[in-house]
């Protein structure tokens, strides 16, 4: 039973992200709680289960798969810079083809922003974060933990595509064909405030990491 808590937390995490969004379940919950209520409760549940899962991974038996090397930190810092940049360019922007978009009716496929490069930018950021941290930790529990997140992000792309196709019908195909891939300058340098927000997020994560997890990502 040494792995019992971690196994239970991982199972609850997977179920909590699969069941509430299923077609028979989500409409019932939205009808019961309202759209905002559903989003609020689902976010609280996700945060609580994620916290439990991370704590349970720390309590699991220590099984070292590979040793830490100083250069691991440099790789993780580089990958996390890209993850923070993707988040800053994606959050709060119209994206009817994935989740996390805002004002999706205003989406313009001729000026799609980062969606012109990746249809599911939030999942891409999650995969980068998870893959980098699985590599940096090297213990069995944490490789399972972060590897599950990375797998969830990669599989989630196909699941969301299928769900959006079912919900949007021919409009999904029209939008995906109409999206124009912008040049890097059109995505990055046209949005200086978002670049600044990404840099602030990156610096903030570095600053709070030792406080939350007891490990500095720099040293």
N, C-alpha and C. Protein backbone atom coordinates (compact mmCIF):
# COMPACT_ATOMS: atom_id res chain seq x y z
N UNK A 1 0.81 -1.22 0.00
CA UNK A 1 0.00 0.00 0.00
C UNK A 1 0.85 1.27 0.00
N UNK A 2 2.20 1.14 -0.16
CA UNK A 2 3.03 2.34 -0.17
C UNK A 2 2.67 3.28 -1.32
N UNK A 3 2.19 2.71 -2.41
CA UNK A 3 1.81 3.50 -3.56
C UNK A 3 0.32 3.81 -3.58
N UNK A 4 -0.39 3.42 -2.54
CA UNK A 4 -1.85 3.53 -2.54
C UNK A 4 -2.35 4.95 -2.70
N UNK A 5 -1.81 5.88 -1.92
CA UNK A 5 -2.31 7.26 -1.99
C UNK A 5 -2.04 7.87 -3.36
N UNK A 6 -0.84 7.64 -3.89
CA UNK A 6 -0.50 8.21 -5.19
C UNK A 6 -1.39 7.62 -6.28
N UNK A 7 -1.62 6.30 -6.24
CA UNK A 7 -2.48 5.66 -7.23
C UNK A 7 -3.90 6.19 -7.15
N UNK A 8 -4.41 6.35 -5.93
CA UNK A 8 -5.76 6.88 -5.75
C UNK A 8 -5.86 8.31 -6.26
N UNK A 9 -4.86 9.14 -5.93
CA UNK A 9 -4.89 10.54 -6.36
C UNK A 9 -4.82 10.65 -7.88
N UNK A 10 -3.99 9.81 -8.51
CA UNK A 10 -3.88 9.83 -9.97
C UNK A 10 -5.20 9.40 -10.61
N UNK A 11 -5.83 8.36 -10.05
CA UNK A 11 -7.11 7.90 -10.58
C UNK A 11 -8.19 8.96 -10.45
N UNK A 12 -8.26 9.62 -9.30
CA UNK A 12 -9.25 10.68 -9.10
C UNK A 12 -8.99 11.84 -10.05
N UNK A 13 -7.71 12.18 -10.24
CA UNK A 13 -7.37 13.27 -11.15
C UNK A 13 -7.87 12.96 -12.57
N UNK A 14 -7.59 11.76 -13.05
CA UNK A 14 -8.00 11.39 -14.41
C UNK A 14 -9.52 11.38 -14.55
N UNK A 15 -10.20 10.81 -13.55
CA UNK A 15 -11.66 10.76 -13.61
C UNK A 15 -12.28 12.15 -13.52
N UNK A 16 -11.70 13.01 -12.68
CA UNK A 16 -12.26 14.35 -12.50
C UNK A 16 -12.10 15.21 -13.75
N UNK A 17 -11.17 14.84 -14.63
CA UNK A 17 -11.00 15.59 -15.87
C UNK A 17 -11.69 14.90 -17.05
N UNK A 18 -12.18 13.69 -16.85
CA UNK A 18 -12.85 12.98 -17.94
C UNK A 18 -14.37 13.00 -17.80
N UNK A 19 -14.87 12.71 -16.60
CA UNK A 19 -16.32 12.56 -16.43
C UNK A 19 -17.11 13.87 -16.54
N UNK A 20 -16.69 14.97 -15.87
CA UNK A 20 -17.54 16.16 -15.90
C UNK A 20 -17.74 16.79 -17.27
N UNK A 21 -16.86 16.49 -18.24
CA UNK A 21 -16.99 17.10 -19.55
C UNK A 21 -17.62 16.16 -20.57
N UNK A 22 -18.03 14.98 -20.13
CA UNK A 22 -18.69 14.04 -21.04
C UNK A 22 -20.04 14.60 -21.46
N UNK A 23 -20.47 14.33 -22.71
CA UNK A 23 -21.74 14.91 -23.20
C UNK A 23 -22.95 14.66 -22.30
N UNK A 24 -23.14 13.47 -21.70
CA UNK A 24 -24.34 13.33 -20.85
C UNK A 24 -24.22 14.07 -19.52
N UNK A 25 -22.98 14.31 -19.06
CA UNK A 25 -22.77 14.85 -17.72
C UNK A 25 -22.68 16.38 -17.72
N UNK A 26 -21.91 16.94 -18.63
CA UNK A 26 -21.70 18.39 -18.61
C UNK A 26 -22.98 19.19 -18.77
N UNK A 27 -23.87 18.85 -19.74
CA UNK A 27 -25.11 19.64 -19.84
C UNK A 27 -25.95 19.58 -18.56
N UNK A 28 -25.95 18.44 -17.89
CA UNK A 28 -26.71 18.34 -16.64
C UNK A 28 -26.10 19.23 -15.57
N UNK A 29 -24.76 19.22 -15.47
CA UNK A 29 -24.09 20.05 -14.47
C UNK A 29 -24.26 21.54 -14.78
N UNK A 30 -24.16 21.91 -16.06
CA UNK A 30 -24.36 23.31 -16.44
C UNK A 30 -25.78 23.75 -16.14
N UNK A 31 -26.75 22.87 -16.40
CA UNK A 31 -28.13 23.20 -16.07
C UNK A 31 -28.35 23.36 -14.58
N UNK A 32 -27.62 22.59 -13.80
CA UNK A 32 -27.75 22.65 -12.34
C UNK A 32 -27.03 23.85 -11.75
N UNK A 33 -25.82 24.14 -12.24
CA UNK A 33 -24.97 25.16 -11.64
C UNK A 33 -24.90 26.45 -12.45
N UNK A 34 -25.31 26.40 -13.71
CA UNK A 34 -25.07 27.52 -14.61
C UNK A 34 -23.66 27.42 -15.18
N UNK A 35 -23.41 28.11 -16.30
CA UNK A 35 -22.11 28.01 -16.94
C UNK A 35 -21.00 28.55 -16.04
N UNK A 36 -21.23 29.70 -15.41
CA UNK A 36 -20.20 30.25 -14.54
C UNK A 36 -20.01 29.39 -13.30
N UNK A 37 -21.11 28.88 -12.76
CA UNK A 37 -21.01 28.02 -11.59
C UNK A 37 -20.26 26.73 -11.91
N UNK A 38 -20.53 26.17 -13.08
CA UNK A 38 -19.83 24.96 -13.50
C UNK A 38 -18.33 25.23 -13.63
N UNK A 39 -17.98 26.35 -14.30
CA UNK A 39 -16.56 26.69 -14.48
C UNK A 39 -15.88 26.89 -13.13
N UNK A 40 -16.56 27.57 -12.20
CA UNK A 40 -15.97 27.85 -10.88
C UNK A 40 -15.76 26.56 -10.10
N UNK A 41 -16.79 25.72 -10.03
CA UNK A 41 -16.69 24.48 -9.26
C UNK A 41 -15.67 23.53 -9.90
N UNK A 42 -15.70 23.44 -11.21
CA UNK A 42 -14.76 22.56 -11.91
C UNK A 42 -13.32 23.01 -11.69
N UNK A 43 -13.10 24.34 -11.69
CA UNK A 43 -11.76 24.86 -11.46
C UNK A 43 -11.29 24.57 -10.04
N UNK A 44 -12.16 24.76 -9.06
CA UNK A 44 -11.80 24.46 -7.67
C UNK A 44 -11.49 22.97 -7.50
N UNK A 45 -12.33 22.12 -8.10
CA UNK A 45 -12.11 20.69 -8.01
C UNK A 45 -10.78 20.30 -8.64
N UNK A 46 -10.49 20.85 -9.81
CA UNK A 46 -9.24 20.53 -10.50
C UNK A 46 -8.04 20.96 -9.67
N UNK A 47 -8.11 22.15 -9.08
CA UNK A 47 -7.00 22.65 -8.27
C UNK A 47 -6.79 21.79 -7.03
N UNK A 48 -7.89 21.40 -6.38
CA UNK A 48 -7.79 20.58 -5.17
C UNK A 48 -7.20 19.21 -5.49
N UNK A 49 -7.66 18.58 -6.56
CA UNK A 49 -7.16 17.26 -6.91
C UNK A 49 -5.72 17.34 -7.37
N UNK A 50 -5.36 18.39 -8.10
CA UNK A 50 -3.97 18.56 -8.54
C UNK A 50 -3.04 18.72 -7.34
N UNK A 51 -3.48 19.51 -6.35
CA UNK A 51 -2.67 19.69 -5.14
C UNK A 51 -2.46 18.36 -4.43
N UNK A 52 -3.52 17.60 -4.29
CA UNK A 52 -3.42 16.28 -3.64
C UNK A 52 -2.47 15.38 -4.41
N UNK A 53 -2.57 15.40 -5.73
CA UNK A 53 -1.73 14.52 -6.55
C UNK A 53 -0.25 14.88 -6.39
N UNK A 54 0.07 16.17 -6.38
CA UNK A 54 1.46 16.58 -6.22
C UNK A 54 1.99 16.19 -4.84
N UNK A 55 1.18 16.40 -3.81
CA UNK A 55 1.59 16.01 -2.45
C UNK A 55 1.77 14.50 -2.37
N UNK A 56 0.86 13.74 -2.97
CA UNK A 56 0.95 12.28 -2.93
C UNK A 56 2.19 11.78 -3.66
N UNK A 57 2.58 12.47 -4.75
CA UNK A 57 3.81 12.07 -5.46
C UNK A 57 5.03 12.26 -4.57
N UNK A 58 5.02 13.32 -3.76
CA UNK A 58 6.13 13.54 -2.84
C UNK A 58 6.20 12.52 -1.73
N UNK A 59 5.07 11.92 -1.38
CA UNK A 59 5.02 10.92 -0.31
C UNK A 59 5.26 9.50 -0.82
N UNK A 60 5.21 9.32 -2.13
CA UNK A 60 5.39 7.98 -2.69
C UNK A 60 6.82 7.48 -2.45
N UNK A 61 7.03 6.17 -2.50
CA UNK A 61 8.39 5.63 -2.31
C UNK A 61 9.39 6.24 -3.29
N UNK A 62 10.60 6.50 -2.81
CA UNK A 62 11.64 7.13 -3.63
C UNK A 62 12.32 6.06 -4.48
N UNK A 63 12.07 6.11 -5.78
CA UNK A 63 12.70 5.20 -6.74
C UNK A 63 13.36 6.05 -7.81
N UNK A 64 14.69 6.12 -7.79
CA UNK A 64 15.42 7.00 -8.71
C UNK A 64 15.63 6.29 -10.05
N UNK A 65 15.18 6.93 -11.13
CA UNK A 65 15.36 6.39 -12.47
C UNK A 65 16.62 6.94 -13.14
N UNK A 66 16.93 8.20 -12.90
CA UNK A 66 18.17 8.80 -13.38
C UNK A 66 18.56 9.92 -12.45
N UNK A 67 19.83 10.21 -12.39
CA UNK A 67 20.35 11.22 -11.47
C UNK A 67 20.23 12.62 -12.07
N UNK A 68 20.09 13.59 -11.18
CA UNK A 68 20.01 14.98 -11.61
C UNK A 68 21.39 15.49 -12.00
N UNK A 69 21.44 16.27 -13.05
CA UNK A 69 22.67 16.93 -13.48
C UNK A 69 22.42 18.43 -13.55
N UNK A 70 23.43 19.27 -13.31
CA UNK A 70 23.21 20.72 -13.31
C UNK A 70 22.61 21.26 -14.61
N UNK A 71 22.96 20.65 -15.75
CA UNK A 71 22.45 21.17 -17.01
C UNK A 71 20.96 20.93 -17.19
N UNK A 72 20.39 20.03 -16.37
CA UNK A 72 18.95 19.79 -16.45
C UNK A 72 18.18 21.09 -16.19
N UNK A 73 18.66 21.88 -15.22
CA UNK A 73 17.98 23.14 -14.90
C UNK A 73 17.95 24.09 -16.08
N UNK A 74 19.05 24.14 -16.83
CA UNK A 74 19.10 25.06 -17.99
C UNK A 74 18.08 24.64 -19.04
N UNK A 75 17.95 23.33 -19.25
CA UNK A 75 16.99 22.84 -20.23
C UNK A 75 15.57 23.17 -19.80
N UNK A 76 15.26 22.92 -18.52
CA UNK A 76 13.91 23.19 -18.02
C UNK A 76 13.60 24.68 -18.10
N UNK A 77 14.56 25.53 -17.74
CA UNK A 77 14.33 26.97 -17.81
C UNK A 77 14.05 27.41 -19.25
N UNK A 78 14.76 26.85 -20.21
CA UNK A 78 14.53 27.21 -21.61
C UNK A 78 13.14 26.76 -22.07
N UNK A 79 12.77 25.52 -21.73
CA UNK A 79 11.46 25.01 -22.13
C UNK A 79 10.34 25.81 -21.47
N UNK A 80 10.52 26.16 -20.19
CA UNK A 80 9.48 26.91 -19.48
C UNK A 80 9.33 28.32 -20.03
N UNK A 81 10.40 28.89 -20.57
CA UNK A 81 10.26 30.20 -21.21
C UNK A 81 9.29 30.12 -22.38
N UNK A 82 9.40 29.06 -23.19
CA UNK A 82 8.47 28.87 -24.30
C UNK A 82 7.05 28.61 -23.79
N UNK A 83 6.92 27.82 -22.74
CA UNK A 83 5.60 27.51 -22.19
C UNK A 83 4.91 28.79 -21.69
N UNK A 84 5.65 29.65 -21.00
CA UNK A 84 5.08 30.91 -20.50
C UNK A 84 4.71 31.83 -21.64
N UNK A 85 5.53 31.85 -22.68
CA UNK A 85 5.22 32.67 -23.85
C UNK A 85 3.94 32.20 -24.53
N UNK A 86 3.78 30.90 -24.68
CA UNK A 86 2.57 30.35 -25.29
C UNK A 86 1.35 30.72 -24.46
N UNK A 87 1.45 30.57 -23.14
CA UNK A 87 0.32 30.91 -22.28
C UNK A 87 -0.06 32.38 -22.43
N UNK A 88 0.94 33.25 -22.43
CA UNK A 88 0.67 34.69 -22.52
C UNK A 88 0.00 35.05 -23.85
N UNK A 89 0.38 34.37 -24.93
CA UNK A 89 -0.19 34.66 -26.24
C UNK A 89 -1.56 34.02 -26.45
N UNK A 90 -1.91 33.04 -25.60
CA UNK A 90 -3.14 32.27 -25.83
C UNK A 90 -4.28 32.62 -24.88
N UNK A 91 -3.99 32.86 -23.62
CA UNK A 91 -5.04 33.03 -22.62
C UNK A 91 -5.87 34.28 -22.93
N UNK A 92 -7.17 34.10 -22.89
CA UNK A 92 -8.07 35.22 -23.09
C UNK A 92 -8.25 35.65 -24.53
N UNK A 93 -7.69 34.91 -25.48
CA UNK A 93 -7.85 35.21 -26.90
C UNK A 93 -8.93 34.32 -27.49
N UNK A 94 -9.62 34.79 -28.53
CA UNK A 94 -10.62 33.93 -29.18
C UNK A 94 -10.01 32.67 -29.76
N UNK A 95 -10.61 31.54 -29.46
CA UNK A 95 -10.17 30.26 -30.03
C UNK A 95 -11.32 29.27 -29.92
N UNK A 96 -12.24 29.29 -30.87
CA UNK A 96 -13.38 28.37 -30.82
C UNK A 96 -13.01 26.92 -31.07
N UNK A 97 -11.78 26.65 -31.49
CA UNK A 97 -11.37 25.30 -31.84
C UNK A 97 -10.80 24.53 -30.65
N UNK A 98 -10.60 25.19 -29.51
CA UNK A 98 -10.03 24.53 -28.35
C UNK A 98 -10.75 25.01 -27.11
N UNK A 99 -10.12 24.87 -25.94
CA UNK A 99 -10.71 25.37 -24.71
C UNK A 99 -9.88 26.55 -24.21
N UNK A 100 -10.46 27.33 -23.31
CA UNK A 100 -9.75 28.46 -22.74
C UNK A 100 -9.86 29.73 -23.54
N UNK A 101 -10.59 29.71 -24.67
CA UNK A 101 -10.73 30.92 -25.47
C UNK A 101 -11.76 31.87 -24.87
N UNK A 102 -11.68 33.13 -25.24
CA UNK A 102 -12.63 34.15 -24.78
C UNK A 102 -13.15 34.91 -25.99
N UNK A 103 -14.44 35.25 -25.95
CA UNK A 103 -15.07 35.98 -27.05
C UNK A 103 -14.86 35.24 -28.37
N UNK A 104 -15.17 33.95 -28.38
CA UNK A 104 -14.85 33.12 -29.53
C UNK A 104 -15.56 33.55 -30.81
N UNK A 105 -16.69 34.24 -30.67
CA UNK A 105 -17.40 34.69 -31.86
C UNK A 105 -16.58 35.71 -32.66
N UNK A 106 -15.61 36.34 -32.01
CA UNK A 106 -14.79 37.34 -32.69
C UNK A 106 -13.57 36.72 -33.36
N UNK A 107 -13.43 35.41 -33.34
CA UNK A 107 -12.25 34.78 -33.94
C UNK A 107 -12.18 35.06 -35.43
N UNK A 108 -11.02 35.51 -35.87
CA UNK A 108 -10.81 35.84 -37.27
C UNK A 108 -9.72 34.92 -37.83
N UNK A 109 -10.07 33.96 -38.70
CA UNK A 109 -9.05 33.01 -39.19
C UNK A 109 -7.96 33.66 -40.02
N UNK A 110 -8.19 34.87 -40.50
CA UNK A 110 -7.13 35.56 -41.25
C UNK A 110 -6.15 36.26 -40.31
N UNK A 111 -6.53 36.42 -39.04
CA UNK A 111 -5.63 36.98 -38.02
C UNK A 111 -5.76 36.13 -36.76
N UNK A 112 -5.31 34.89 -36.83
CA UNK A 112 -5.58 33.95 -35.73
C UNK A 112 -4.61 34.05 -34.57
N UNK A 113 -3.54 34.82 -34.70
CA UNK A 113 -2.55 34.85 -33.63
C UNK A 113 -1.87 33.50 -33.50
N UNK A 114 -1.63 33.09 -32.28
CA UNK A 114 -0.90 31.84 -32.04
C UNK A 114 -1.69 30.62 -32.51
N UNK A 115 -3.01 30.74 -32.66
CA UNK A 115 -3.80 29.61 -33.15
C UNK A 115 -3.41 29.25 -34.58
N UNK A 116 -2.81 30.19 -35.29
CA UNK A 116 -2.32 29.87 -36.62
C UNK A 116 -1.12 28.94 -36.60
N UNK A 117 -0.47 28.82 -35.45
CA UNK A 117 0.68 27.93 -35.30
C UNK A 117 0.33 26.65 -34.56
N UNK A 118 -0.61 26.74 -33.62
CA UNK A 118 -1.02 25.55 -32.88
C UNK A 118 -2.48 25.69 -32.49
N UNK A 119 -3.27 24.69 -32.83
CA UNK A 119 -4.72 24.77 -32.59
C UNK A 119 -5.05 24.73 -31.10
N UNK A 120 -4.20 24.06 -30.31
CA UNK A 120 -4.46 23.91 -28.88
C UNK A 120 -3.26 24.43 -28.08
N UNK A 121 -3.07 25.73 -28.03
CA UNK A 121 -1.87 26.27 -27.38
C UNK A 121 -1.78 25.97 -25.89
N UNK A 122 -2.89 25.94 -25.19
CA UNK A 122 -2.83 25.66 -23.75
C UNK A 122 -2.37 24.22 -23.51
N UNK A 123 -2.81 23.30 -24.34
CA UNK A 123 -2.34 21.92 -24.22
C UNK A 123 -0.86 21.82 -24.58
N UNK A 124 -0.41 22.61 -25.55
CA UNK A 124 1.01 22.61 -25.91
C UNK A 124 1.85 23.09 -24.73
N UNK A 125 1.38 24.15 -24.06
CA UNK A 125 2.11 24.65 -22.89
C UNK A 125 2.13 23.61 -21.77
N UNK A 126 1.01 22.92 -21.57
CA UNK A 126 0.96 21.86 -20.55
C UNK A 126 1.93 20.74 -20.87
N UNK A 127 2.00 20.34 -22.14
CA UNK A 127 2.90 19.26 -22.53
C UNK A 127 4.37 19.67 -22.33
N UNK A 128 4.71 20.91 -22.65
CA UNK A 128 6.08 21.38 -22.44
C UNK A 128 6.42 21.40 -20.96
N UNK A 129 5.53 21.96 -20.14
CA UNK A 129 5.76 22.01 -18.69
C UNK A 129 5.93 20.60 -18.12
N UNK A 130 5.03 19.71 -18.47
CA UNK A 130 5.05 18.36 -17.90
C UNK A 130 6.28 17.59 -18.36
N UNK A 131 6.59 17.65 -19.65
CA UNK A 131 7.75 16.92 -20.15
C UNK A 131 9.05 17.41 -19.52
N UNK A 132 9.18 18.72 -19.40
CA UNK A 132 10.40 19.26 -18.80
C UNK A 132 10.55 18.84 -17.34
N UNK A 133 9.45 18.85 -16.60
CA UNK A 133 9.53 18.51 -15.18
C UNK A 133 9.68 17.01 -14.95
N UNK A 134 9.15 16.20 -15.83
CA UNK A 134 9.38 14.75 -15.73
C UNK A 134 10.87 14.46 -15.92
N UNK A 135 11.49 15.14 -16.87
CA UNK A 135 12.91 14.95 -17.13
C UNK A 135 13.75 15.45 -15.96
N UNK A 136 13.37 16.59 -15.38
CA UNK A 136 14.19 17.21 -14.34
C UNK A 136 14.14 16.45 -13.02
N UNK A 137 13.03 15.77 -12.72
CA UNK A 137 12.89 15.11 -11.43
C UNK A 137 13.53 13.73 -11.40
N UNK A 138 13.19 12.87 -12.34
CA UNK A 138 13.88 11.60 -12.46
C UNK A 138 13.48 10.52 -11.49
N UNK A 139 12.52 10.75 -10.59
CA UNK A 139 12.03 9.69 -9.71
C UNK A 139 10.79 9.06 -10.32
N UNK A 140 10.53 7.81 -9.98
CA UNK A 140 9.45 7.07 -10.62
C UNK A 140 8.11 7.76 -10.43
N UNK A 141 7.80 8.20 -9.21
CA UNK A 141 6.51 8.82 -8.96
C UNK A 141 6.34 10.10 -9.77
N UNK A 142 7.39 10.91 -9.84
CA UNK A 142 7.27 12.17 -10.57
C UNK A 142 7.28 11.97 -12.08
N UNK A 143 7.98 10.95 -12.55
CA UNK A 143 7.92 10.64 -13.99
C UNK A 143 6.51 10.18 -14.36
N UNK A 144 5.90 9.36 -13.50
CA UNK A 144 4.51 8.96 -13.75
C UNK A 144 3.59 10.17 -13.69
N UNK A 145 3.79 11.02 -12.69
CA UNK A 145 2.96 12.20 -12.51
C UNK A 145 3.02 13.12 -13.73
N UNK A 146 4.22 13.59 -14.04
CA UNK A 146 4.35 14.55 -15.14
C UNK A 146 4.18 13.87 -16.50
N UNK A 147 4.56 12.60 -16.59
CA UNK A 147 4.31 11.87 -17.84
C UNK A 147 2.82 11.74 -18.12
N UNK A 148 2.02 11.57 -17.06
CA UNK A 148 0.56 11.50 -17.23
C UNK A 148 0.01 12.83 -17.73
N UNK A 149 0.54 13.93 -17.19
CA UNK A 149 0.11 15.25 -17.66
C UNK A 149 0.45 15.42 -19.14
N UNK A 150 1.67 15.05 -19.51
CA UNK A 150 2.08 15.20 -20.91
C UNK A 150 1.21 14.33 -21.82
N UNK A 151 0.97 13.08 -21.41
CA UNK A 151 0.11 12.21 -22.19
C UNK A 151 -1.31 12.75 -22.28
N UNK A 152 -1.81 13.29 -21.16
CA UNK A 152 -3.14 13.90 -21.14
C UNK A 152 -3.22 15.03 -22.15
N UNK A 153 -2.16 15.87 -22.22
CA UNK A 153 -2.15 16.99 -23.15
C UNK A 153 -2.12 16.51 -24.60
N UNK A 154 -1.32 15.49 -24.88
CA UNK A 154 -1.20 15.00 -26.25
C UNK A 154 -2.47 14.31 -26.72
N UNK A 155 -3.03 13.47 -25.86
CA UNK A 155 -4.28 12.78 -26.21
C UNK A 155 -5.44 13.77 -26.26
N UNK A 156 -5.38 14.78 -25.38
CA UNK A 156 -6.47 15.75 -25.31
C UNK A 156 -6.70 16.49 -26.61
N UNK A 157 -5.66 16.65 -27.42
CA UNK A 157 -5.83 17.36 -28.70
C UNK A 157 -6.84 16.63 -29.59
N UNK A 158 -6.68 15.31 -29.70
CA UNK A 158 -7.61 14.55 -30.52
C UNK A 158 -9.02 14.53 -29.93
N UNK A 159 -9.10 14.43 -28.59
CA UNK A 159 -10.41 14.40 -27.95
C UNK A 159 -11.15 15.72 -28.15
N UNK A 160 -10.44 16.84 -28.01
CA UNK A 160 -11.09 18.14 -28.19
C UNK A 160 -11.46 18.35 -29.65
N UNK A 161 -10.59 17.92 -30.57
CA UNK A 161 -10.94 18.03 -31.99
C UNK A 161 -12.24 17.30 -32.29
N UNK A 162 -12.37 16.08 -31.79
CA UNK A 162 -13.59 15.31 -32.05
C UNK A 162 -14.80 15.98 -31.43
N UNK A 163 -14.62 16.50 -30.20
CA UNK A 163 -15.75 17.15 -29.52
C UNK A 163 -16.17 18.41 -30.26
N UNK A 164 -15.18 19.22 -30.69
CA UNK A 164 -15.51 20.46 -31.40
C UNK A 164 -16.15 20.15 -32.76
N UNK A 165 -15.67 19.13 -33.45
CA UNK A 165 -16.29 18.75 -34.72
C UNK A 165 -17.74 18.35 -34.51
N UNK A 166 -17.99 17.62 -33.43
CA UNK A 166 -19.36 17.19 -33.13
C UNK A 166 -20.24 18.40 -32.81
N UNK A 167 -19.70 19.36 -32.07
CA UNK A 167 -20.49 20.52 -31.65
C UNK A 167 -20.66 21.56 -32.76
N UNK A 168 -19.61 21.76 -33.58
CA UNK A 168 -19.62 22.84 -34.56
C UNK A 168 -20.01 22.39 -35.96
N UNK A 169 -19.91 21.10 -36.23
CA UNK A 169 -20.28 20.60 -37.55
C UNK A 169 -19.37 21.14 -38.64
N UNK A 170 -19.99 21.60 -39.74
CA UNK A 170 -19.22 22.07 -40.89
C UNK A 170 -18.42 23.33 -40.58
N UNK A 171 -18.83 24.10 -39.56
CA UNK A 171 -18.11 25.32 -39.20
C UNK A 171 -16.68 25.00 -38.75
N UNK A 172 -16.49 23.85 -38.08
CA UNK A 172 -15.15 23.45 -37.65
C UNK A 172 -14.24 23.26 -38.85
N UNK A 173 -14.73 22.58 -39.87
CA UNK A 173 -13.93 22.34 -41.07
C UNK A 173 -13.66 23.66 -41.80
N UNK A 174 -14.65 24.55 -41.86
CA UNK A 174 -14.45 25.83 -42.53
C UNK A 174 -13.36 26.65 -41.85
N UNK A 175 -13.42 26.71 -40.52
CA UNK A 175 -12.43 27.50 -39.79
C UNK A 175 -11.03 26.92 -39.91
N UNK A 176 -10.90 25.60 -39.76
CA UNK A 176 -9.57 24.99 -39.82
C UNK A 176 -8.94 25.17 -41.20
N UNK A 177 -9.76 25.16 -42.25
CA UNK A 177 -9.22 25.37 -43.60
C UNK A 177 -8.89 26.83 -43.85
N UNK A 178 -9.63 27.73 -43.19
CA UNK A 178 -9.46 29.17 -43.45
C UNK A 178 -8.32 29.80 -42.65
N UNK A 179 -7.84 29.12 -41.61
CA UNK A 179 -6.80 29.70 -40.76
C UNK A 179 -5.53 29.94 -41.57
N UNK A 180 -5.00 31.14 -41.47
CA UNK A 180 -3.76 31.50 -42.14
C UNK A 180 -2.63 31.54 -41.12
N UNK A 181 -1.51 30.95 -41.46
CA UNK A 181 -0.37 30.93 -40.54
C UNK A 181 0.38 32.25 -40.63
N UNK A 182 0.39 33.01 -39.54
CA UNK A 182 1.09 34.30 -39.59
C UNK A 182 2.60 34.11 -39.44
N UNK A 183 3.35 35.12 -39.81
CA UNK A 183 4.78 35.10 -39.56
C UNK A 183 5.06 35.26 -38.09
N UNK A 184 6.23 34.83 -37.62
CA UNK A 184 6.56 34.94 -36.20
C UNK A 184 6.43 36.37 -35.68
N UNK A 185 6.82 37.35 -36.50
CA UNK A 185 6.71 38.74 -36.06
C UNK A 185 5.28 39.16 -35.83
N UNK A 186 4.37 38.63 -36.66
CA UNK A 186 2.97 38.98 -36.50
C UNK A 186 2.36 38.42 -35.24
N UNK A 187 2.94 37.37 -34.71
CA UNK A 187 2.43 36.77 -33.47
C UNK A 187 3.10 37.40 -32.26
N UNK A 188 4.41 37.61 -32.35
CA UNK A 188 5.18 38.04 -31.18
C UNK A 188 5.19 39.55 -31.00
N UNK A 189 5.72 40.25 -31.99
CA UNK A 189 6.03 41.66 -31.80
C UNK A 189 4.81 42.57 -31.93
N UNK A 190 3.71 42.03 -32.43
CA UNK A 190 2.49 42.82 -32.49
C UNK A 190 1.76 42.84 -31.16
N UNK A 191 2.24 42.11 -30.18
CA UNK A 191 1.55 42.00 -28.90
C UNK A 191 2.54 42.23 -27.75
N UNK A 192 3.09 43.43 -27.63
CA UNK A 192 4.11 43.68 -26.61
C UNK A 192 3.61 43.48 -25.18
N UNK A 193 2.35 43.80 -24.93
CA UNK A 193 1.83 43.63 -23.57
C UNK A 193 1.78 42.15 -23.20
N UNK A 194 1.43 41.32 -24.14
CA UNK A 194 1.40 39.88 -23.86
C UNK A 194 2.81 39.32 -23.69
N UNK A 195 3.76 39.84 -24.45
CA UNK A 195 5.14 39.43 -24.25
C UNK A 195 5.61 39.81 -22.84
N UNK A 196 5.25 41.01 -22.41
CA UNK A 196 5.62 41.44 -21.06
C UNK A 196 4.94 40.57 -20.01
N UNK A 197 3.68 40.19 -20.25
CA UNK A 197 2.98 39.33 -19.31
C UNK A 197 3.64 37.96 -19.24
N UNK A 198 4.08 37.42 -20.38
CA UNK A 198 4.78 36.15 -20.38
C UNK A 198 6.08 36.21 -19.61
N UNK A 199 6.82 37.32 -19.78
CA UNK A 199 8.08 37.49 -19.04
C UNK A 199 7.81 37.61 -17.54
N UNK A 200 6.74 38.33 -17.17
CA UNK A 200 6.40 38.47 -15.76
C UNK A 200 5.99 37.12 -15.16
N UNK A 201 5.22 36.33 -15.92
CA UNK A 201 4.83 35.00 -15.44
C UNK A 201 6.06 34.13 -15.23
N UNK A 202 6.97 34.17 -16.18
CA UNK A 202 8.21 33.37 -16.10
C UNK A 202 9.01 33.75 -14.86
N UNK A 203 9.20 35.06 -14.65
CA UNK A 203 9.96 35.51 -13.48
C UNK A 203 9.23 35.16 -12.18
N UNK A 204 7.90 35.28 -12.19
CA UNK A 204 7.14 34.96 -10.99
C UNK A 204 7.22 33.49 -10.62
N UNK A 205 7.16 32.62 -11.62
CA UNK A 205 7.28 31.19 -11.35
C UNK A 205 8.65 30.83 -10.78
N UNK A 206 9.69 31.45 -11.30
CA UNK A 206 11.04 31.22 -10.77
C UNK A 206 11.12 31.68 -9.32
N UNK A 207 10.48 32.81 -9.02
CA UNK A 207 10.56 33.38 -7.67
C UNK A 207 9.81 32.53 -6.64
N UNK A 208 8.63 32.01 -7.02
CA UNK A 208 7.81 31.28 -6.04
C UNK A 208 8.16 29.80 -5.97
N UNK A 209 8.88 29.30 -6.94
CA UNK A 209 9.18 27.86 -6.96
C UNK A 209 9.86 27.38 -5.67
N UNK A 210 10.89 28.07 -5.16
CA UNK A 210 11.50 27.61 -3.90
C UNK A 210 10.53 27.66 -2.72
N UNK A 211 9.62 28.63 -2.72
CA UNK A 211 8.66 28.77 -1.62
C UNK A 211 7.63 27.65 -1.64
N UNK A 212 7.18 27.27 -2.84
CA UNK A 212 6.13 26.26 -2.95
C UNK A 212 6.67 24.83 -2.91
N UNK A 213 7.84 24.62 -3.50
CA UNK A 213 8.34 23.26 -3.68
C UNK A 213 9.70 23.01 -3.02
N UNK A 214 10.29 24.05 -2.44
CA UNK A 214 11.55 23.87 -1.73
C UNK A 214 12.76 23.66 -2.61
N UNK A 215 12.63 23.94 -3.90
CA UNK A 215 13.74 23.74 -4.85
C UNK A 215 13.83 24.97 -5.74
N UNK A 216 15.03 25.51 -5.88
CA UNK A 216 15.22 26.64 -6.79
C UNK A 216 15.48 26.11 -8.20
N UNK A 217 14.79 26.64 -9.21
CA UNK A 217 15.05 26.18 -10.58
C UNK A 217 16.32 26.78 -11.18
N UNK A 218 16.96 27.69 -10.46
CA UNK A 218 18.16 28.36 -11.00
C UNK A 218 19.43 27.68 -10.51
N UNK A 219 19.47 27.30 -9.24
CA UNK A 219 20.69 26.72 -8.67
C UNK A 219 20.56 25.22 -8.51
